[in-house]
Amino acid sequence: MAKKKSVEVDLSTEEKIKEAAKKVFLKKGYAATRTRDIAEEAGLNLALLNYYFRSKEKLFDLIMLEKLEKFFGVIAPILNNSTTSLDQKVTLFSNNYIDLIIANPELPLFILSEVRHNPERFAHKLPVVKVADSHFVRQLQEKRPDINPLHFLMNLLGMSVFPFIMKPIFHASGILSEKVFLTRMEERKALIPKWINAMLKAK
């Protein structure tokens, strides 16, 4: 019984360190973060943190991989769904991404900043999305064989994600308050499918 309790405490401590690391890394980035900062955020001593995670690099890689999987993990299930139409895929894509980033507003800038500073380090960690073999590509080619699927996906990502990257500027300049910004993003869920549909009809 005592052994089981010890395992539960260990798991709780490890999760506490990971949650603290997420907060500190997202706030300061990898370069400016010290393991001492994470230990202080977790309310633990540095020796205990080092016992669970031997280096800042290993802890960061764990957090970064989790964030990358969350950010890119939305794509594959939607693209590979054989039961939905192309229009439905566009709606699901934009809705899911906007909901994801509303719930994780720091995600796009964090990933963009860290990958930009060290692209080689994270390139091999990016979740692989086999776009060429997806049901989505077959549907798009049937409807518009002249449109490259990569352009199509970049447009979807840009429409869904870019406003969140620009949000700090919108706020700082007084263009949009947080409440108004969220309202506009909810409206965007309905607008993106309309814009994409117009693009598909354009010659």
Protein backbone atom coordinates (compact mmCIF):
# COMPACT_ATOMS: atom_id res chain seq x y z
CA MET A 1 0.00 0.00 0.00
CA ALA A 2 2.82 2.37 0.94
CA LYS A 3 4.55 1.65 -2.38
CA LYS A 4 1.41 2.55 -4.33
CA LYS A 5 1.11 5.83 -2.44
CA SER A 6 4.75 6.64 -3.23
CA VAL A 7 4.13 6.12 -6.97
CA GLU A 8 1.11 8.43 -6.84
CA VAL A 9 3.21 11.11 -5.13
CA ASP A 10 5.98 10.69 -7.73
CA LEU A 11 3.54 11.06 -10.61
CA SER A 12 2.02 14.11 -8.97
CA THR A 13 5.47 15.71 -8.57
CA GLU A 14 6.40 15.02 -12.18
CA GLU A 15 3.16 16.56 -13.43
CA LYS A 16 3.70 19.57 -11.17
CA ILE A 17 7.14 20.11 -12.72
CA LYS A 18 5.76 19.78 -16.25
CA GLU A 19 2.94 22.27 -15.56
CA ALA A 20 5.42 24.73 -14.06
CA ALA A 21 7.76 24.27 -17.03
CA LYS A 22 4.93 25.00 -19.48
CA LYS A 23 4.15 28.28 -17.72
CA VAL A 24 7.77 29.42 -17.56
CA PHE A 25 8.76 28.33 -21.08
CA LEU A 26 5.66 29.94 -22.57
CA LYS A 27 6.38 33.16 -20.70
CA LYS A 28 10.15 33.41 -21.16
CA GLY A 29 11.06 31.05 -23.99
CA TYR A 30 13.77 28.42 -23.85
CA ALA A 31 16.85 30.68 -23.85
CA ALA A 32 15.74 32.93 -20.97
CA THR A 33 14.44 30.13 -18.75
CA ARG A 34 16.56 28.67 -15.95
CA THR A 35 15.85 25.36 -14.24
CA ARG A 36 15.74 27.36 -11.02
CA ASP A 37 12.82 29.38 -12.45
CA ILE A 38 10.89 26.16 -13.08
CA ALA A 39 11.67 24.80 -9.63
CA GLU A 40 10.46 28.02 -8.01
CA GLU A 41 7.27 27.99 -10.10
CA ALA A 42 6.63 24.37 -9.05
CA GLY A 43 7.38 25.12 -5.40
CA LEU A 44 10.13 22.49 -5.35
CA ASN A 45 13.86 22.51 -4.71
CA LEU A 46 16.25 22.37 -7.64
CA ALA A 47 17.67 18.98 -6.66
CA LEU A 48 14.23 17.37 -6.88
CA LEU A 49 13.60 18.88 -10.31
CA ASN A 50 16.96 17.58 -11.52
CA TYR A 51 16.08 14.13 -10.16
CA TYR A 52 13.03 13.93 -12.46
CA PHE A 53 14.41 15.83 -15.45
CA ARG A 54 18.18 15.79 -15.86
CA SER A 55 18.36 18.94 -17.97
CA LYS A 56 16.40 21.95 -19.08
CA GLU A 57 16.79 20.74 -22.66
CA LYS A 58 15.06 17.40 -22.02
CA LEU A 59 12.21 19.07 -20.17
CA PHE A 60 11.80 21.65 -22.92
CA ASP A 61 11.81 18.99 -25.64
CA LEU A 62 9.04 17.17 -23.81
CA ILE A 63 6.92 20.32 -23.54
CA MET A 64 7.66 21.39 -27.11
CA LEU A 65 6.72 18.00 -28.54
CA GLU A 66 3.44 18.12 -26.65
CA LYS A 67 2.70 21.60 -28.05
CA LEU A 68 3.63 20.59 -31.60
CA GLU A 69 1.39 17.53 -31.42
CA LYS A 70 -1.46 19.66 -30.11
CA PHE A 71 -0.99 22.30 -32.82
CA PHE A 72 -0.59 19.94 -35.78
CA GLY A 73 -2.64 17.05 -34.42
CA VAL A 74 -5.86 18.76 -35.50
CA ILE A 75 -5.02 18.30 -39.19
CA ALA A 76 -4.67 14.57 -39.82
CA PRO A 77 -8.04 13.31 -38.49
CA ILE A 78 -9.89 15.93 -40.53
CA LEU A 79 -7.98 15.36 -43.77
CA ASN A 80 -8.24 11.59 -43.54
CA ASN A 81 -11.94 11.40 -42.70
CA SER A 82 -13.64 9.58 -45.57
CA THR A 83 -17.15 10.32 -44.30
CA THR A 84 -17.05 14.13 -44.62
CA SER A 85 -17.28 16.33 -47.71
CA LEU A 86 -14.64 18.90 -48.68
CA ASP A 87 -16.90 21.69 -47.41
CA GLN A 88 -17.34 19.90 -44.09
CA LYS A 89 -13.58 19.44 -43.79
CA VAL A 90 -13.03 23.17 -44.23
CA THR A 91 -15.60 23.95 -41.55
CA LEU A 92 -14.15 21.38 -39.14
CA PHE A 93 -10.62 22.60 -39.79
CA SER A 94 -11.34 26.27 -39.10
CA ASN A 95 -13.63 25.58 -36.13
CA ASN A 96 -11.23 23.17 -34.46
CA TYR A 97 -8.19 25.39 -34.93
CA ILE A 98 -9.92 28.51 -33.68
CA ASP A 99 -11.29 26.65 -30.65
CA LEU A 100 -7.85 25.14 -29.98
CA ILE A 101 -6.08 28.49 -30.00
CA ILE A 102 -8.77 30.28 -28.01
CA ALA A 103 -8.15 27.63 -25.33
CA ASN A 104 -4.33 27.89 -25.82
CA PRO A 105 -3.72 31.50 -26.91
CA GLU A 106 0.04 31.32 -26.37
CA LEU A 107 0.46 28.33 -28.69
CA PRO A 108 1.09 29.94 -32.13
CA LEU A 109 3.62 32.54 -30.97
CA PHE A 110 5.43 30.06 -28.74
CA ILE A 111 5.84 27.51 -31.55
CA LEU A 112 6.71 30.16 -34.14
CA SER A 113 9.33 31.76 -31.91
CA GLU A 114 11.05 28.56 -30.80
CA VAL A 115 11.03 26.88 -34.20
CA ARG A 116 12.29 30.06 -35.87
CA HIS A 117 15.26 30.23 -33.50
CA ASN A 118 16.19 26.58 -33.96
CA PRO A 119 14.40 25.03 -36.96
CA GLU A 120 16.82 22.08 -37.31
CA ARG A 121 16.20 21.02 -33.74
CA PHE A 122 12.46 20.71 -34.18
CA ALA A 123 12.05 19.82 -37.85
CA HIS A 124 12.26 16.08 -37.19
CA LYS A 125 9.82 16.38 -34.28
CA LEU A 126 6.99 17.85 -36.35
CA PRO A 127 4.09 15.37 -36.54
CA VAL A 128 3.93 13.98 -40.07
CA VAL A 129 0.68 14.69 -41.89
CA LYS A 130 0.50 12.69 -45.12
CA VAL A 131 -1.41 15.27 -47.11
CA ALA A 132 -0.75 13.65 -50.49
CA ASP A 133 -2.44 10.40 -49.47
CA SER A 134 -5.41 11.96 -47.69
CA HIS A 135 -9.06 11.80 -48.62
CA PHE A 136 -8.98 15.59 -48.60
CA VAL A 137 -6.58 15.70 -51.58
CA ARG A 138 -8.72 13.35 -53.63
CA GLN A 139 -11.78 15.52 -52.98
CA LEU A 140 -9.93 18.72 -53.83
CA GLN A 141 -8.52 17.27 -57.05
CA GLU A 142 -11.97 16.17 -58.13
CA LYS A 143 -13.32 19.68 -57.57
CA ARG A 144 -10.31 21.80 -58.54
CA PRO A 145 -7.41 19.83 -60.05
CA ASP A 146 -5.65 23.12 -60.83
CA ILE A 147 -5.22 24.05 -57.14
CA ASN A 148 -2.20 22.73 -55.30
CA PRO A 149 -3.38 21.13 -52.01
CA LEU A 150 -0.51 22.76 -50.13
CA HIS A 151 -1.71 26.23 -51.14
CA PHE A 152 -5.18 25.26 -49.99
CA LEU A 153 -3.94 24.14 -46.57
CA MET A 154 -1.71 27.21 -46.16
CA ASN A 155 -4.72 29.41 -46.82
CA LEU A 156 -6.76 27.55 -44.22
CA LEU A 157 -3.98 27.75 -41.63
CA GLY A 158 -3.34 31.41 -42.36
CA MET A 159 -7.00 32.36 -42.03
CA SER A 160 -7.37 30.40 -38.80
CA VAL A 161 -4.06 31.04 -37.05
CA PHE A 162 -2.65 34.39 -38.25
CA PRO A 163 -5.17 36.59 -36.37
CA PHE A 164 -3.93 35.07 -33.10
CA ILE A 165 -0.32 35.87 -34.02
CA MET A 166 -1.38 39.48 -34.64
CA LYS A 167 -3.50 39.71 -31.48
CA PRO A 168 -0.81 41.41 -29.33
CA ILE A 169 -0.56 44.18 -31.93
CA PHE A 170 -4.35 44.53 -32.10
CA HIS A 171 -4.48 44.87 -28.32
CA ALA A 172 -1.50 47.23 -28.00
CA SER A 173 -2.83 49.54 -30.70
CA GLY A 174 -6.32 49.58 -29.23
CA ILE A 175 -7.87 48.19 -32.41
CA LEU A 176 -9.55 45.28 -30.62
CA SER A 177 -10.25 44.49 -26.99
CA GLU A 178 -10.03 40.87 -25.84
CA LYS A 179 -13.82 40.57 -25.82
CA VAL A 180 -14.21 41.99 -29.33
CA PHE A 181 -11.33 39.88 -30.63
CA LEU A 182 -12.97 36.68 -29.38
CA THR A 183 -16.26 37.75 -30.93
CA ARG A 184 -14.55 38.29 -34.28
CA MET A 185 -12.88 34.88 -34.08
CA GLU A 186 -16.22 33.21 -33.40
CA GLU A 187 -17.60 35.02 -36.46
CA ARG A 188 -14.58 33.81 -38.43
CA LYS A 189 -15.68 30.20 -37.97
CA ALA A 190 -18.59 30.90 -40.30
CA LEU A 191 -16.70 33.27 -42.59
CA ILE A 192 -13.70 31.07 -43.44
CA PRO A 193 -15.80 28.34 -45.14
CA LYS A 194 -17.53 31.07 -47.18
CA TRP A 195 -14.21 32.59 -48.26
CA ILE A 196 -12.78 29.20 -49.16
CA ASN A 197 -15.90 28.30 -51.11
CA ALA A 198 -15.58 31.54 -53.06
CA MET A 199 -11.94 30.72 -53.80
CA LEU A 200 -12.90 27.28 -55.08
CA LYS A 201 -15.45 28.83 -57.44
CA ALA A 202 -13.06 31.47 -58.75
CA LYS A 203 -11.29 30.80 -62.06
